[in-house]
Amino acid sequence: MPVSDDYIRYKHRRYGMDHDRYDWSMLHRRKPVVWPNGAKVALWVTVGLQFFPLNQKGKPFRAPGSLTNAYPDLRHYTLRDYGNRVGIYRLMELFRALGIPATAAVNAAVAERYPSLIRDVVAEAWEIIAHGRDMDTIHHAGMAEAEEAAIVKETLSTLRGVSGLKVAGWLSPAQSESWNTPDLVAAEGVEYICDWVNDDLPYAFRTKAGTIHSMPHPIDLDDYSVLIQNHHSDAEFAEQIRDQFAVMQAESERHGGRVMAIALHPWVVGQPYRMKTLSEALGWIVRQKGVWPATGAEILAAFKDQR
């Protein structure tokens, strides 16, 4: 029996998206972007400095990297702690040698517990962006707006107070938002968010507190996703990094600049046996022509100057 036209007709169908947060557009049709000094690819490396409580509630879900064994899961708790005390300093040394200014996505709980670590991050001239209260405080639609607003305010106040920095970016724990998250962080002076993983360039993002921007923070080119969840080898992760760059470099020749973002976690990639392949992959990229290693704030500023 033939299907009637009504079966496929959707009365709300329209061009673009089903929300008005941003103007829908195809990436390759936009005005080309040129990064400083004529660079083609902006290299944005983010490092997650996270705190996973020992007594996690896991509501409404457990964030990636959460503890998994019965309480007290000291095996996984101490491994995450290893990243904030040991692995992070290997990454600092590597990025210093390669001339990469990283962006640290920091839980407020880390700043409270390790203020000396935050001082060391600042001393490296890294950018700090907010990563929520901790990895067990998930932003979601079931959270009351007033409760979420208080968490946002507390998180940003803590990070700004400990670091002395502006803290202009926001990455939600597990990249999970409520309907209100963009509005609430914008109201507290945040200029860009990293939760919407749908582009390779920044784009303007509407909130009740004014226009901010969405930045292309990855969920695929992420050491936890690749090495832990997908069980790929270190060599395969390094190959993926190089392949990502090669495609973006080729696209940039035709369509203008791109942002290549890599997400790292010191408890994952900061292990001694993983540093060699990471060093080789990042070292290869920074030796290529037309690469601009930069923080998220630097990339956004350069983008906005051209818009």
Protein backbone atom coordinates (compact mmCIF):
# COMPACT_ATOMS: atom_id res chain seq x y z
CA MET A 1 0.00 0.00 0.00
CA PRO A 2 1.51 3.39 -0.97
CA VAL A 3 2.59 5.71 1.83
CA SER A 4 0.71 9.01 1.85
CA ASP A 5 2.48 12.35 1.67
CA ASP A 6 1.35 13.11 5.22
CA TYR A 7 3.54 10.27 6.46
CA ILE A 8 6.74 12.14 5.70
CA ARG A 9 5.46 15.69 6.08
CA TYR A 10 6.74 17.37 9.27
CA LYS A 11 4.92 20.59 10.05
CA HIS A 12 7.91 22.06 11.93
CA ARG A 13 10.42 21.28 9.18
CA ARG A 14 12.61 24.23 8.28
CA TYR A 15 16.06 25.08 6.96
CA GLY A 16 18.78 24.61 9.56
CA MET A 17 18.47 23.51 13.16
CA ASP A 18 15.51 23.07 15.53
CA HIS A 19 16.77 25.82 17.86
CA ASP A 20 17.95 29.41 17.59
CA ARG A 21 21.24 29.17 19.46
CA TYR A 22 23.24 29.84 16.28
CA ASP A 23 22.84 30.40 12.54
CA TRP A 24 23.13 27.13 10.66
CA SER A 25 25.72 27.08 7.89
CA MET A 26 28.02 24.75 5.98
CA LEU A 27 31.64 25.10 7.08
CA HIS A 28 33.20 25.19 3.61
CA ARG A 29 30.86 28.00 2.48
CA ARG A 30 31.90 30.47 5.15
CA LYS A 31 34.35 33.31 4.76
CA PRO A 32 37.86 31.84 5.01
CA VAL A 33 39.83 32.38 8.21
CA VAL A 34 43.54 33.20 8.26
CA TRP A 35 45.42 32.62 11.50
CA PRO A 36 48.31 34.86 12.69
CA ASN A 37 51.42 34.88 10.49
CA GLY A 38 49.44 33.25 7.71
CA ALA A 39 49.07 29.94 9.56
CA LYS A 40 46.59 27.44 8.19
CA VAL A 41 45.92 25.19 11.20
CA ALA A 42 45.51 26.36 14.78
CA LEU A 43 46.69 23.61 17.14
CA TRP A 44 44.64 23.65 20.34
CA VAL A 45 45.70 21.19 23.04
CA THR A 46 43.51 20.93 26.12
CA VAL A 47 44.49 19.09 29.28
CA GLY A 48 41.82 17.93 31.72
CA LEU A 49 42.66 18.41 35.39
CA GLN A 50 39.83 16.49 37.00
CA PHE A 51 38.67 15.34 40.42
CA PHE A 52 36.59 12.17 40.73
CA PRO A 53 35.11 11.88 44.25
CA LEU A 54 35.70 8.58 46.00
CA ASN A 55 32.02 8.39 46.96
CA GLN A 56 30.59 9.09 43.50
CA LYS A 57 26.81 9.14 43.14
CA GLY A 58 26.93 8.75 39.37
CA LYS A 59 23.68 10.65 38.79
CA PRO A 60 22.24 10.92 36.20
CA PHE A 61 25.20 9.01 34.73
CA ARG A 62 28.88 8.43 35.39
CA ALA A 63 31.22 10.74 33.51
CA PRO A 64 33.90 9.20 31.28
CA GLY A 65 36.84 8.18 33.46
CA SER A 66 34.68 7.66 36.55
CA LEU A 67 35.51 5.11 39.24
CA THR A 68 34.09 1.66 38.54
CA ASN A 69 34.90 -0.72 41.38
CA ALA A 70 33.09 -1.14 44.70
CA TYR A 71 33.58 1.60 47.31
CA PRO A 72 36.27 2.55 48.15
CA ASP A 73 37.68 2.23 44.65
CA LEU A 74 41.21 3.25 45.59
CA ARG A 75 42.71 1.65 42.52
CA HIS A 76 41.03 4.09 40.13
CA TYR A 77 40.88 7.02 42.53
CA THR A 78 44.65 7.02 43.02
CA LEU A 79 45.27 6.64 39.29
CA ARG A 80 43.32 9.85 38.62
CA ASP A 81 45.27 11.49 41.42
CA TYR A 82 48.51 10.30 39.78
CA GLY A 83 47.65 12.42 36.77
CA ASN A 84 47.35 15.60 38.85
CA ARG A 85 50.56 14.99 40.79
CA VAL A 86 52.87 13.20 38.34
CA GLY A 87 51.59 12.89 34.78
CA ILE A 88 50.78 16.57 34.42
CA TYR A 89 54.39 17.57 34.92
CA ARG A 90 55.51 15.33 32.07
CA LEU A 91 53.04 17.14 29.82
CA MET A 92 54.27 20.52 31.03
CA GLU A 93 57.85 19.57 30.16
CA LEU A 94 56.83 18.28 26.73
CA PHE A 95 54.74 21.32 25.80
CA ARG A 96 57.48 23.66 27.01
CA ALA A 97 59.96 21.91 24.73
CA LEU A 98 57.60 22.02 21.73
CA GLY A 99 56.40 25.58 22.28
CA ILE A 100 52.77 24.57 22.79
CA PRO A 101 50.71 26.84 25.07
CA ALA A 102 48.09 24.45 26.43
CA THR A 103 44.63 25.09 27.81
CA ALA A 104 43.88 23.41 31.14
CA ALA A 105 40.24 22.47 31.76
CA VAL A 106 40.10 22.46 35.54
CA ASN A 107 37.53 21.22 38.04
CA ALA A 108 37.02 23.71 40.87
CA ALA A 109 37.69 20.82 43.28
CA VAL A 110 41.20 20.47 41.84
CA ALA A 111 41.93 24.15 42.49
CA GLU A 112 40.70 23.76 46.06
CA ARG A 113 42.78 20.65 46.72
CA TYR A 114 45.90 21.45 44.69
CA PRO A 115 46.41 25.23 44.65
CA SER A 116 50.12 24.64 44.06
CA LEU A 117 49.26 22.80 40.83
CA ILE A 118 47.22 25.77 39.65
CA ARG A 119 50.17 28.07 40.40
CA ASP A 120 52.39 25.79 38.30
CA VAL A 121 49.88 25.85 35.43
CA VAL A 122 49.82 29.65 35.56
CA ALA A 123 53.62 29.75 35.64
CA GLU A 124 53.65 27.78 32.37
CA ALA A 125 51.49 30.54 30.81
CA TRP A 126 48.74 28.04 30.11
CA GLU A 127 45.15 29.15 29.78
CA ILE A 128 42.68 27.91 32.41
CA ILE A 129 39.05 27.21 31.55
CA ALA A 130 36.32 26.02 33.91
CA HIS A 131 35.45 22.31 33.92
CA GLY A 132 32.64 22.40 36.47
CA ARG A 133 32.78 21.63 40.18
CA ASP A 134 34.00 18.02 39.87
CA MET A 135 33.43 14.96 37.68
CA ASP A 136 30.43 13.83 39.72
CA THR A 137 28.52 17.11 39.37
CA ILE A 138 26.85 16.64 36.00
CA HIS A 139 24.85 19.44 34.41
CA HIS A 140 21.56 18.08 33.05
CA ALA A 141 17.91 18.96 32.48
CA GLY A 142 16.83 17.51 35.83
CA MET A 143 18.91 20.08 37.73
CA ALA A 144 17.03 23.07 39.10
CA GLU A 145 18.11 26.30 37.43
CA ALA A 146 18.92 27.99 40.74
CA GLU A 147 21.04 25.04 41.82
CA GLU A 148 22.94 25.00 38.54
CA ALA A 149 23.45 28.78 38.65
CA ALA A 150 25.00 28.45 42.12
CA ILE A 151 27.35 25.69 40.92
CA VAL A 152 28.43 27.77 37.92
CA LYS A 153 29.06 30.84 40.05
CA GLU A 154 30.97 28.85 42.69
CA THR A 155 33.08 27.06 40.06
CA LEU A 156 34.14 30.23 38.28
CA SER A 157 34.71 32.16 41.50
CA THR A 158 36.97 29.40 42.84
CA LEU A 159 39.04 29.07 39.68
CA ARG A 160 39.41 32.81 39.20
CA GLY A 161 40.32 33.32 42.84
CA VAL A 162 42.97 30.59 42.96
CA SER A 163 44.49 31.27 39.52
CA GLY A 164 44.14 35.04 39.30
CA LEU A 165 43.15 34.56 35.65
CA LYS A 166 40.10 35.66 33.68
CA VAL A 167 38.83 32.09 33.04
CA ALA A 168 36.86 32.86 29.88
CA GLY A 169 36.07 29.31 28.72
CA TRP A 170 33.73 26.58 29.95
CA LEU A 171 33.82 22.81 29.39
CA SER A 172 31.06 20.98 31.23
CA PRO A 173 31.92 17.70 32.99
CA ALA A 174 31.30 14.95 30.42
CA GLN A 175 30.34 17.79 28.03
CA SER A 176 26.83 17.47 29.44
CA GLU A 177 24.57 20.53 29.62
CA SER A 178 21.12 21.42 30.78
CA TRP A 179 18.96 23.71 28.64
CA ASN A 180 20.19 26.58 30.84
CA THR A 181 23.95 25.94 30.98
CA PRO A 182 25.01 28.28 28.13
CA ASP A 183 22.88 31.11 29.53
CA LEU A 184 24.20 30.65 33.07
CA VAL A 185 27.89 30.54 32.16
CA ALA A 186 27.53 33.52 29.82
CA ALA A 187 25.92 35.50 32.65
CA GLU A 188 29.09 34.88 34.69
CA GLY A 189 31.42 36.30 32.03
CA VAL A 190 32.29 33.15 30.08
CA GLU A 191 33.13 33.92 26.45
CA TYR A 192 33.22 30.45 24.94
CA ILE A 193 31.88 26.96 25.59
CA CYS A 194 33.29 23.62 24.49
CA ASP A 195 30.33 21.24 24.78
CA TRP A 196 28.88 21.38 21.25
CA VAL A 197 31.11 19.14 19.13
CA ASN A 198 29.75 20.04 15.70
CA ASP A 199 32.33 22.18 13.90
CA ASP A 200 36.01 22.76 13.12
CA LEU A 201 35.90 26.52 13.72
CA PRO A 202 34.45 28.78 16.42
CA TYR A 203 30.97 30.10 15.77
CA ALA A 204 28.71 32.67 17.42
CA PHE A 205 26.33 31.20 19.98
CA ARG A 206 23.28 33.02 21.37
CA THR A 207 22.45 33.12 25.08
CA LYS A 208 20.12 35.14 27.28
CA ALA A 209 23.19 37.04 28.48
CA GLY A 210 24.40 37.89 24.97
CA THR A 211 26.50 36.27 22.26
CA ILE A 212 29.34 33.95 23.21
CA HIS A 213 31.11 31.40 20.97
CA SER A 214 31.27 27.66 20.65
CA MET A 215 34.75 26.18 20.30
CA PRO A 216 35.51 22.83 18.57
CA HIS A 217 36.59 20.71 21.53
CA PRO A 218 36.89 17.03 20.48
CA ILE A 219 35.33 13.83 21.76
CA ASP A 220 37.08 11.61 19.19
CA LEU A 221 40.66 12.88 19.21
CA ASP A 222 40.77 12.35 22.96
CA ASP A 223 43.24 10.08 24.73
CA TYR A 224 40.60 8.61 27.03
CA SER A 225 38.22 7.86 24.14
CA VAL A 226 40.91 6.37 21.92
CA LEU A 227 43.15 4.56 24.40
CA ILE A 228 40.77 3.53 27.18
CA GLN A 229 37.30 3.29 25.67
CA ASN A 230 38.26 2.13 22.17
CA HIS A 231 41.33 0.12 23.28
CA HIS A 232 43.56 1.46 20.53
CA SER A 233 47.32 1.37 20.89
CA ASP A 234 49.52 4.40 21.57
CA ALA A 235 50.89 4.10 18.04
CA GLU A 236 47.36 4.17 16.62
CA PHE A 237 46.53 7.28 18.64
CA ALA A 238 49.64 9.00 17.30
CA GLU A 239 48.68 7.96 13.77
CA GLN A 240 45.19 9.41 14.25
CA ILE A 241 46.71 12.71 15.40
CA ARG A 242 48.87 12.89 12.28
CA ASP A 243 46.01 11.87 9.99
CA GLN A 244 43.71 14.50 11.53
CA PHE A 245 46.29 17.18 10.88
CA ALA A 246 46.95 16.04 7.31
CA VAL A 247 43.28 16.31 6.35
CA MET A 248 42.83 19.67 8.06
CA GLN A 249 45.95 21.05 6.44
CA ALA A 250 44.70 19.99 3.01
CA GLU A 251 41.26 21.49 3.66
CA SER A 252 42.76 24.74 4.85
CA GLU A 253 44.52 25.20 1.52
CA ARG A 254 41.12 25.23 -0.20
CA HIS A 255 38.75 26.69 2.38
CA GLY A 256 40.79 28.66 4.92
CA GLY A 257 42.04 28.04 8.44
CA ARG A 258 40.95 25.18 10.68
CA VAL A 259 41.20 24.38 14.39
CA MET A 260 42.79 21.06 15.26
CA ALA A 261 41.85 20.30 18.86
CA ILE A 262 43.32 17.46 20.92
CA ALA A 263 42.01 16.52 24.37
CA LEU A 264 44.43 14.92 26.82
CA HIS A 265 44.21 13.67 30.40
CA PRO A 266 47.43 13.39 32.44
CA TRP A 267 46.30 10.20 34.18
CA VAL A 268 45.94 8.59 30.74
CA VAL A 269 48.62 9.92 28.41
CA GLY A 270 50.92 11.12 31.19
CA GLN A 271 52.10 7.56 31.83
CA PRO A 272 55.84 7.16 31.10
CA TYR A 273 55.40 4.58 28.34
CA ARG A 274 52.96 6.81 26.45
CA MET A 275 55.05 9.97 26.40
CA LYS A 276 57.34 8.89 23.57
CA THR A 277 54.63 8.42 20.95
CA LEU A 278 52.78 11.57 22.06
CA SER A 279 56.01 13.56 21.81
CA GLU A 280 56.70 12.22 18.33
CA ALA A 281 53.18 12.98 17.07
CA LEU A 282 53.01 16.52 18.44
CA GLY A 283 56.61 17.19 17.48
CA TRP A 284 55.82 16.20 13.89
CA ILE A 285 52.87 18.61 13.80
CA VAL A 286 54.69 21.66 15.14
CA ARG A 287 57.43 21.12 12.55
CA GLN A 288 54.92 21.36 9.70
CA LYS A 289 54.48 24.57 7.75
CA GLY A 290 51.57 26.81 8.68
CA VAL A 291 50.89 25.57 12.21
CA TRP A 292 49.91 27.95 15.01
CA PRO A 293 49.94 26.40 18.51
CA ALA A 294 47.58 28.53 20.61
CA THR A 295 45.22 28.59 23.56
CA GLY A 296 41.47 28.62 23.13
CA ALA A 297 41.29 32.30 24.08
CA GLU A 298 43.97 33.19 21.51
CA ILE A 299 42.17 31.27 18.78
CA LEU A 300 38.86 32.92 19.60
CA ALA A 301 40.40 36.40 19.66
CA ALA A 302 41.98 35.85 16.22
CA PHE A 303 38.68 34.52 14.87
CA LYS A 304 36.63 37.42 16.22
CA ASP A 305 39.08 39.95 14.75
CA GLN A 306 38.11 38.65 11.31
CA ARG A 307 34.36 38.64 11.94
